[in-house]
């Protein structure tokens, strides 16, 4: 990271650092933490799971030892962990200098815009949602209230299922709950909010190289260790590359085909992230890369 980029970032305000996968967020967060004595706080929805380190590009054991990190790898594979859980864990950490880094736009929205206090989803509703999402996704979309359907990405199964579960649990649409949102923990105006916007070709090349590096570091062995516990409907199973490598280990794909499919999934995920940042983070300061 260029020195002039660091110099232009506040030393006092909380730093929020968003960007697509493989864009270099962690390196910048480490540099800011070393410069200012900041705690590095994870805002990635998949790096919270203890079963994944290599596949989610969590900080290495050496990096975690060198600088203080929080909310990485502390959740069990089968535990529920929502944006609400994350926000409740972040708030007590805000009494010290922090750099909050990740690629999950919903976490940053909850932090800077507030989060509706929606009742928890009962296990039976979650089970019905899992089955419907897997076997009749169109019916799940059709069951949403119109206001919510107009506001969420209907091509994102996780978002659709969440909206469906809220409606089934409370009888009130997700959009209606969101209108009752409390004040944010970190108002946007009081933070140094930064979003990395790399060039697409540059990022896609990095994504491909990084996945090759993950394989070399033992990502396949990490997935093999997870295979006895694998349930594709769990949130932890959404780690990019995990379904593809599971398919290889089950004899459904060759390793080259699984790697190619995982790289494609990662590039598609990065595209969705860029779209979110472009549409929802218009007032965040852009850091162009490379």
Protein backbone atom coordinates (compact mmCIF):
# COMPACT_ATOMS: atom_id res chain seq x y z
CA UNK A 1 0.00 0.00 0.00
CA UNK A 2 1.39 3.37 -1.04
CA UNK A 3 2.50 5.69 1.77
CA UNK A 4 0.38 8.56 0.45
CA UNK A 5 -2.75 6.41 0.82
CA UNK A 6 -1.97 5.83 4.50
CA UNK A 7 -1.18 9.49 5.10
CA UNK A 8 -4.60 10.52 3.81
CA UNK A 9 -6.44 8.29 6.31
CA UNK A 10 -7.47 9.67 9.70
CA UNK A 11 -5.48 8.71 12.78
CA UNK A 12 -8.33 9.51 15.16
CA UNK A 13 -11.67 8.46 13.66
CA UNK A 14 -12.86 4.85 13.49
CA UNK A 15 -11.81 3.48 10.11
CA UNK A 16 -14.30 1.40 8.14
CA UNK A 17 -12.64 -0.44 5.28
CA UNK A 18 -14.81 -2.22 2.72
CA UNK A 19 -13.87 -3.85 -0.55
CA UNK A 20 -14.41 -6.91 -2.71
CA UNK A 21 -12.71 -10.20 -2.05
CA UNK A 22 -8.95 -10.32 -2.79
CA UNK A 23 -8.69 -6.52 -3.13
CA UNK A 24 -6.04 -6.08 -0.42
CA UNK A 25 -8.23 -4.95 2.49
CA UNK A 26 -6.39 -6.99 5.09
CA UNK A 27 -2.99 -5.60 4.16
CA UNK A 28 -4.26 -2.03 4.47
CA UNK A 29 -5.96 -2.83 7.78
CA UNK A 30 -2.71 -4.28 9.11
CA UNK A 31 -0.82 -1.16 8.06
CA UNK A 32 -3.35 1.10 9.79
CA UNK A 33 -3.32 -1.04 12.93
CA UNK A 34 0.47 -0.94 13.08
CA UNK A 35 0.53 2.83 12.53
CA UNK A 36 -2.18 3.79 15.02
CA UNK A 37 -2.39 0.93 17.52
CA UNK A 38 -5.83 0.00 16.22
CA UNK A 39 -7.72 -3.19 16.90
CA UNK A 40 -8.53 -4.98 13.62
CA UNK A 41 -12.20 -6.00 13.71
CA UNK A 42 -13.60 -8.47 11.21
CA UNK A 43 -16.66 -7.44 9.18
CA UNK A 44 -16.69 -10.49 6.90
CA UNK A 45 -19.62 -12.87 7.34
CA UNK A 46 -17.56 -16.01 6.66
CA UNK A 47 -14.27 -15.27 8.40
CA UNK A 48 -16.10 -15.65 11.73
CA UNK A 49 -16.23 -19.44 11.35
CA UNK A 50 -13.56 -21.46 13.08
CA UNK A 51 -13.66 -24.26 10.50
CA UNK A 52 -12.33 -21.99 7.74
CA UNK A 53 -9.02 -20.18 7.74
CA UNK A 54 -7.41 -20.81 4.37
CA UNK A 55 -10.58 -20.84 2.28
CA UNK A 56 -11.90 -17.54 3.66
CA UNK A 57 -8.47 -15.86 3.64
CA UNK A 58 -8.59 -15.21 7.36
CA UNK A 59 -5.47 -13.53 8.79
CA UNK A 60 -2.69 -16.01 9.38
CA UNK A 61 -1.73 -17.19 12.85
CA UNK A 62 1.39 -15.03 12.56
CA UNK A 63 -0.63 -11.94 11.61
CA UNK A 64 -3.02 -12.49 14.51
CA UNK A 65 -0.04 -12.79 16.85
CA UNK A 66 1.60 -9.64 15.51
CA UNK A 67 -1.43 -7.33 15.85
CA UNK A 68 -4.67 -7.47 17.81
CA UNK A 69 -7.61 -8.96 15.91
CA UNK A 70 -11.23 -9.51 16.95
CA UNK A 71 -14.22 -11.53 15.68
CA UNK A 72 -12.19 -13.94 13.55
CA UNK A 73 -12.76 -17.70 13.66
CA UNK A 74 -14.75 -17.64 16.90
CA UNK A 75 -18.04 -19.18 15.70
CA UNK A 76 -18.78 -22.90 15.37
CA UNK A 77 -19.73 -24.26 11.96
CA UNK A 78 -23.30 -25.05 13.04
CA UNK A 79 -24.02 -21.86 14.98
CA UNK A 80 -26.46 -19.19 13.89
CA UNK A 81 -24.61 -15.94 13.34
CA UNK A 82 -26.49 -13.03 11.83
CA UNK A 83 -25.78 -9.37 11.19
CA UNK A 84 -27.45 -8.74 14.54
CA UNK A 85 -25.06 -11.08 16.34
CA UNK A 86 -22.13 -9.33 14.67
CA UNK A 87 -23.33 -5.85 15.57
CA UNK A 88 -23.85 -6.78 19.21
CA UNK A 89 -20.27 -8.08 19.37
CA UNK A 90 -18.81 -5.03 17.64
CA UNK A 91 -20.39 -2.34 19.83
CA UNK A 92 -18.34 -3.13 22.99
CA UNK A 93 -15.14 -2.87 20.92
CA UNK A 94 -15.79 0.71 19.86
CA UNK A 95 -14.33 2.26 23.02
CA UNK A 96 -10.84 2.00 21.52
CA UNK A 97 -9.26 2.82 18.13
CA UNK A 98 -10.45 0.33 15.53
CA UNK A 99 -10.21 -0.49 11.85
CA UNK A 100 -13.25 -2.53 10.87
CA UNK A 101 -12.52 -4.46 7.69
CA UNK A 102 -14.49 -6.80 5.45
CA UNK A 103 -16.51 -7.37 2.35
CA UNK A 104 -19.98 -7.91 3.82
CA UNK A 105 -21.98 -4.83 2.95
CA UNK A 106 -24.86 -5.65 5.30
CA UNK A 107 -22.55 -5.51 8.31
CA UNK A 108 -21.36 -2.02 7.40
CA UNK A 109 -24.92 -0.88 6.70
CA UNK A 110 -26.04 -2.12 10.12
CA UNK A 111 -23.10 -0.37 11.77
CA UNK A 112 -23.55 3.01 10.07
CA UNK A 113 -27.31 3.07 9.45
CA UNK A 114 -28.68 1.06 12.36
CA UNK A 115 -30.30 -2.38 12.46
CA UNK A 116 -33.94 -3.24 13.02
CA UNK A 117 -34.55 -5.30 16.17
CA UNK A 118 -36.23 -8.29 14.52
CA UNK A 119 -37.26 -11.27 16.72
CA UNK A 120 -35.23 -14.46 16.23
CA UNK A 121 -36.43 -17.03 13.71
CA UNK A 122 -37.70 -20.28 15.34
CA UNK A 123 -35.95 -23.50 14.31
CA UNK A 124 -39.05 -24.90 12.57
CA UNK A 125 -39.35 -21.80 10.36
CA UNK A 126 -35.64 -22.00 9.58
CA UNK A 127 -36.01 -25.67 8.59
CA UNK A 128 -38.96 -24.88 6.32
CA UNK A 129 -37.01 -22.00 4.84
CA UNK A 130 -34.00 -24.21 4.14
CA UNK A 131 -36.18 -26.76 2.35
CA UNK A 132 -38.11 -24.20 0.33
CA UNK A 133 -35.00 -22.31 -0.69
CA UNK A 134 -33.41 -25.51 -1.93
CA UNK A 135 -36.41 -27.07 -3.67
CA UNK A 136 -38.80 -24.26 -4.68
CA UNK A 137 -36.96 -20.95 -4.60
CA UNK A 138 -39.50 -19.34 -6.95
CA UNK A 139 -42.28 -20.01 -4.43
CA UNK A 140 -40.20 -18.40 -1.69
CA UNK A 141 -39.74 -15.28 -3.81
CA UNK A 142 -43.45 -15.20 -4.66
CA UNK A 143 -44.38 -15.38 -0.97
CA UNK A 144 -42.56 -12.14 -0.06
CA UNK A 145 -44.48 -8.95 0.58
CA UNK A 146 -44.25 -6.47 -2.27
CA UNK A 147 -42.37 -3.75 -0.39
CA UNK A 148 -39.61 -6.11 0.69
CA UNK A 149 -39.42 -7.79 -2.72
CA UNK A 150 -38.83 -4.39 -4.31
CA UNK A 151 -35.92 -3.63 -1.98
CA UNK A 152 -33.83 -6.79 -1.84
CA UNK A 153 -31.76 -8.70 -4.40
CA UNK A 154 -34.17 -11.43 -5.51
CA UNK A 155 -31.27 -13.36 -7.07
CA UNK A 156 -29.57 -13.75 -3.69
CA UNK A 157 -30.94 -16.87 -1.95
CA UNK A 158 -29.63 -15.85 1.47
CA UNK A 159 -31.36 -12.46 1.33
CA UNK A 160 -34.62 -13.94 0.01
CA UNK A 161 -34.67 -16.65 2.66
CA UNK A 162 -34.01 -14.12 5.41
CA UNK A 163 -36.90 -11.95 4.21
CA UNK A 164 -39.19 -14.98 3.94
CA UNK A 165 -38.29 -16.17 7.45
CA UNK A 166 -38.94 -12.73 8.96
CA UNK A 167 -42.36 -12.56 7.30
CA UNK A 168 -43.25 -16.08 8.43
CA UNK A 169 -42.04 -15.45 11.99
CA UNK A 170 -43.51 -12.02 12.64
CA UNK A 171 -46.28 -11.55 10.09
CA UNK A 172 -44.55 -8.31 9.10
CA UNK A 173 -42.30 -7.79 6.10
CA UNK A 174 -38.59 -7.11 6.43
CA UNK A 175 -39.00 -3.66 4.87
CA UNK A 176 -41.56 -2.70 7.53
CA UNK A 177 -39.18 -3.79 10.28
CA UNK A 178 -36.40 -1.77 8.70
CA UNK A 179 -38.50 1.39 8.95
CA UNK A 180 -38.28 0.99 12.75
CA UNK A 181 -34.50 0.98 12.78
CA UNK A 182 -32.74 2.55 15.83
CA UNK A 183 -29.84 5.01 15.65
CA UNK A 184 -26.54 3.59 14.30
CA UNK A 185 -23.61 2.58 16.50
CA UNK A 186 -21.15 4.46 14.23
CA UNK A 187 -22.83 7.23 12.23
CA UNK A 188 -21.26 7.52 8.82
CA UNK A 189 -20.30 11.17 9.43
CA UNK A 190 -18.20 10.21 12.47
CA UNK A 191 -16.12 7.55 10.72
CA UNK A 192 -13.39 7.41 8.09
CA UNK A 193 -15.37 5.24 5.65
CA UNK A 194 -13.30 3.85 2.80
CA UNK A 195 -14.17 1.49 -0.03
CA UNK A 196 -11.62 -0.14 -2.32
CA UNK A 197 -12.59 -0.04 -5.99
CA UNK A 198 -10.07 -2.09 -7.98
CA UNK A 199 -10.15 -2.47 -11.73
CA UNK A 200 -12.08 -5.60 -12.69
CA UNK A 201 -9.37 -7.31 -14.74
CA UNK A 202 -6.76 -6.65 -12.05
CA UNK A 203 -9.04 -8.05 -9.36
CA UNK A 204 -10.04 -11.13 -11.35
CA UNK A 205 -6.39 -11.98 -11.90
CA UNK A 206 -5.72 -11.62 -8.16
CA UNK A 207 -8.72 -13.82 -7.36
CA UNK A 208 -7.41 -16.58 -9.62
CA UNK A 209 -3.88 -16.36 -8.21
CA UNK A 210 -5.13 -16.33 -4.65
CA UNK A 211 -7.23 -19.44 -5.11
CA UNK A 212 -4.23 -21.26 -6.55
CA UNK A 213 -2.30 -20.14 -3.47
CA UNK A 214 -5.11 -21.42 -1.23
CA UNK A 215 -4.86 -24.84 -2.84
CA UNK A 216 -1.11 -24.82 -2.34
CA UNK A 217 -1.57 -23.83 1.32
CA UNK A 218 -3.93 -26.74 2.01
CA UNK A 219 -7.47 -25.56 1.19
CA UNK A 220 -8.41 -29.01 -0.11
CA UNK A 221 -7.26 -30.61 3.14
CA UNK A 222 -9.24 -27.99 5.08
CA UNK A 223 -12.38 -28.95 3.15
CA UNK A 224 -11.61 -32.64 3.59
CA UNK A 225 -11.55 -32.12 7.36
CA UNK A 226 -14.93 -30.41 7.13
CA UNK A 227 -16.53 -33.07 4.91
CA UNK A 228 -17.89 -35.27 7.78
CA UNK A 229 -19.82 -32.26 9.09
CA UNK A 230 -20.86 -30.79 5.72
CA UNK A 231 -24.39 -29.48 5.43
CA UNK A 232 -24.90 -27.25 2.38
CA UNK A 233 -27.71 -25.21 3.95
CA UNK A 234 -25.59 -23.89 6.82
CA UNK A 235 -24.37 -20.29 6.55
CA UNK A 236 -20.82 -21.55 7.08
CA UNK A 237 -21.16 -23.66 3.91
CA UNK A 238 -21.32 -20.47 1.83
CA UNK A 239 -17.54 -20.11 1.96
CA UNK A 240 -16.51 -19.48 -1.63
CA UNK A 241 -14.93 -22.61 -3.06
CA UNK A 242 -16.22 -24.97 -0.39
CA UNK A 243 -19.11 -26.50 -2.41
CA UNK A 244 -16.85 -26.98 -5.41
CA UNK A 245 -14.11 -28.71 -3.43
CA UNK A 246 -16.69 -30.84 -1.63
CA UNK A 247 -17.96 -31.93 -5.05
CA UNK A 248 -14.41 -32.91 -6.01
CA UNK A 249 -13.89 -34.90 -2.82
CA UNK A 250 -17.14 -36.74 -3.50
CA UNK A 251 -15.96 -37.67 -6.99
CA UNK A 252 -18.38 -35.34 -8.78
CA UNK A 253 -15.74 -32.99 -10.26
CA UNK A 254 -12.08 -33.30 -11.20
CA UNK A 255 -9.80 -31.07 -9.20
CA UNK A 256 -9.08 -28.74 -12.17
CA UNK A 257 -12.82 -28.39 -12.82
CA UNK A 258 -13.51 -27.74 -9.14
CA UNK A 259 -10.79 -25.08 -9.00
CA UNK A 260 -12.09 -23.43 -12.17
CA UNK A 261 -15.65 -23.40 -10.79
CA UNK A 262 -14.46 -21.98 -7.46
CA UNK A 263 -12.57 -19.19 -9.22
CA UNK A 264 -15.68 -18.36 -11.24
CA UNK A 265 -17.80 -18.30 -8.07
CA UNK A 266 -15.30 -15.96 -6.44
CA UNK A 267 -15.28 -13.61 -9.43
CA UNK A 268 -19.09 -13.58 -9.47
CA UNK A 269 -19.15 -12.86 -5.74
CA UNK A 270 -16.73 -9.97 -6.22
CA UNK A 271 -19.03 -8.58 -8.91
CA UNK A 272 -21.99 -8.67 -6.50
CA UNK A 273 -19.87 -6.95 -3.87
CA UNK A 274 -18.87 -4.19 -6.29
CA UNK A 275 -22.51 -3.65 -7.21
CA UNK A 276 -23.47 -3.36 -3.54
CA UNK A 277 -20.67 -0.91 -2.78
CA UNK A 278 -21.51 1.18 -5.84
CA UNK A 279 -25.21 1.38 -4.95
CA UNK A 280 -25.10 1.53 -1.14
CA UNK A 281 -21.80 3.26 -0.35
CA UNK A 282 -21.98 6.32 -2.55
CA UNK A 283 -20.85 8.59 0.30
CA UNK A 284 -17.83 6.42 1.23
CA UNK A 285 -14.43 7.66 0.07
CA UNK A 286 -13.16 5.62 -2.83
CA UNK A 287 -9.65 4.20 -2.90
CA UNK A 288 -8.91 3.19 -6.50
CA UNK A 289 -6.66 0.21 -7.12
CA UNK A 290 -4.21 -0.74 -8.42
